[in-house]
Amino acid sequence: MDSQQNLSYNAGQAKGQAQEKASSMMDKASNAAQSAKESMQQAGQQMQEKAQGAADAMKNATGTNQGR
């Protein structure tokens, strides 16, 4: 291998490694975003359940929950 081929080979290796690192970073970012989305959905679900519980407690306290 002459020096030109060697430089070309090394450049190709560096490019491949950079692409692999970028792909890995994108995967990590995607996983973090998915995790955050799931956490937000879970928090929203918990808030909805608490609000429903509060509404039911208010109905019970005011006697408007007789139909159940």
C-alpha atoms as a PDB file:
ATOM      1  CA  MET A   1       0.000   0.000   0.000  1.00  0.00           C
ATOM      2  CA  ASP A   2       1.482   3.362  -0.950  1.00  0.00           C
ATOM      3  CA  SER A   3       1.060   6.473   1.186  1.00  0.00           C
ATOM      4  CA  GLN A   4      -1.890   7.762  -0.869  1.00  0.00           C
ATOM      5  CA  GLN A   5      -3.776   4.496  -0.411  1.00  0.00           C
ATOM      6  CA  ASN A   6      -2.853   4.453   3.266  1.00  0.00           C
ATOM      7  CA  LEU A   7      -4.205   7.994   3.760  1.00  0.00           C
ATOM      8  CA  SER A   8      -7.368   7.094   1.889  1.00  0.00           C
ATOM      9  CA  TYR A   9      -7.809   3.938   3.969  1.00  0.00           C
ATOM     10  CA  ASN A  10      -7.293   5.853   7.236  1.00  0.00           C
ATOM     11  CA  ALA A  11      -9.765   8.533   6.141  1.00  0.00           C
ATOM     12  CA  GLY A  12     -12.314   5.831   5.382  1.00  0.00           C
ATOM     13  CA  GLN A  13     -11.735   4.242   8.774  1.00  0.00           C
ATOM     14  CA  ALA A  14     -12.176   7.593  10.544  1.00  0.00           C
ATOM     15  CA  LYS A  15     -15.361   8.306   8.577  1.00  0.00           C
ATOM     16  CA  GLY A  16     -16.784   4.891   9.472  1.00  0.00           C
ATOM     17  CA  GLN A  17     -15.988   5.381  13.153  1.00  0.00           C
ATOM     18  CA  ALA A  18     -17.555   8.854  13.145  1.00  0.00           C
ATOM     19  CA  GLN A  19     -20.697   7.492  11.495  1.00  0.00           C
ATOM     20  CA  GLU A  20     -20.892   4.686  14.068  1.00  0.00           C
ATOM     21  CA  LYS A  21     -20.518   7.168  16.946  1.00  0.00           C
ATOM     22  CA  ALA A  22     -23.175   9.449  15.435  1.00  0.00           C
ATOM     23  CA  SER A  23     -25.526   6.502  15.016  1.00  0.00           C
ATOM     24  CA  SER A  24     -24.923   5.433  18.605  1.00  0.00           C
ATOM     25  CA  MET A  25     -25.574   8.960  19.862  1.00  0.00           C
ATOM     26  CA  MET A  26     -28.796   9.154  17.851  1.00  0.00           C
ATOM     27  CA  ASP A  27     -29.936   5.836  19.318  1.00  0.00           C
ATOM     28  CA  LYS A  28     -29.227   7.110  22.828  1.00  0.00           C
ATOM     29  CA  ALA A  29     -31.083  10.360  22.145  1.00  0.00           C
ATOM     30  CA  SER A  30     -34.024   8.440  20.721  1.00  0.00           C
ATOM     31  CA  ASN A  31     -34.117   6.156  23.748  1.00  0.00           C
ATOM     32  CA  ALA A  32     -33.985   9.151  26.094  1.00  0.00           C
ATOM     33  CA  ALA A  33     -36.825  10.836  24.203  1.00  0.00           C
ATOM     34  CA  GLN A  34     -38.928   7.667  24.323  1.00  0.00           C
ATOM     35  CA  SER A  35     -38.265   7.307  28.050  1.00  0.00           C
ATOM     36  CA  ALA A  36     -39.256  10.934  28.654  1.00  0.00           C
ATOM     37  CA  LYS A  37     -42.428  10.452  26.623  1.00  0.00           C
ATOM     38  CA  GLU A  38     -43.365   7.374  28.641  1.00  0.00           C
ATOM     39  CA  SER A  39     -42.662   9.209  31.900  1.00  0.00           C
ATOM     40  CA  MET A  40     -44.878  12.103  30.824  1.00  0.00           C
ATOM     41  CA  GLN A  41     -47.668   9.722  29.822  1.00  0.00           C
ATOM     42  CA  GLN A  42     -47.406   7.974  33.173  1.00  0.00           C
ATOM     43  CA  ALA A  43     -47.470  11.297  35.045  1.00  0.00           C
ATOM     44  CA  GLY A  44     -50.490  12.402  33.013  1.00  0.00           C
ATOM     45  CA  GLN A  45     -52.278   9.152  33.794  1.00  0.00           C
ATOM     46  CA  GLN A  46     -51.567   9.576  37.517  1.00  0.00           C
ATOM     47  CA  MET A  47     -52.841  13.166  37.455  1.00  0.00           C
ATOM     48  CA  GLN A  48     -55.994  12.056  35.663  1.00  0.00           C
ATOM     49  CA  GLU A  49     -56.592   9.326  38.255  1.00  0.00           C
ATOM     50  CA  LYS A  50     -56.052  11.801  41.121  1.00  0.00           C
ATOM     51  CA  ALA A  51     -58.436  14.298  39.523  1.00  0.00           C
ATOM     52  CA  GLN A  52     -61.054  11.573  39.103  1.00  0.00           C
ATOM     53  CA  GLY A  53     -60.546  10.543  42.731  1.00  0.00           C
ATOM     54  CA  ALA A  54     -60.968  14.145  43.855  1.00  0.00           C
ATOM     55  CA  ALA A  55     -64.117  14.526  41.759  1.00  0.00           C
ATOM     56  CA  ASP A  56     -65.542  11.318  43.218  1.00  0.00           C
ATOM     57  CA  ALA A  57     -64.677  12.444  46.751  1.00  0.00           C
ATOM     58  CA  MET A  58     -66.423  15.780  46.115  1.00  0.00           C
ATOM     59  CA  LYS A  59     -69.510  13.992  44.769  1.00  0.00           C
ATOM     60  CA  ASN A  60     -69.559  11.737  47.816  1.00  0.00           C
ATOM     61  CA  ALA A  61     -69.147  14.694  50.169  1.00  0.00           C
ATOM     62  CA  THR A  62     -71.925  16.683  48.524  1.00  0.00           C
ATOM     63  CA  GLY A  63     -74.261  13.702  48.104  1.00  0.00           C
ATOM     64  CA  THR A  64     -74.412  14.031  44.311  1.00  0.00           C
ATOM     65  CA  ASN A  65     -73.019  10.532  43.844  1.00  0.00           C
ATOM     66  CA  GLN A  66     -76.270   8.735  44.702  1.00  0.00           C
ATOM     67  CA  GLY A  67     -76.793   7.381  41.210  1.00  0.00           C
ATOM     68  CA  ARG A  68     -73.874   5.004  41.493  1.00  0.00           C
END
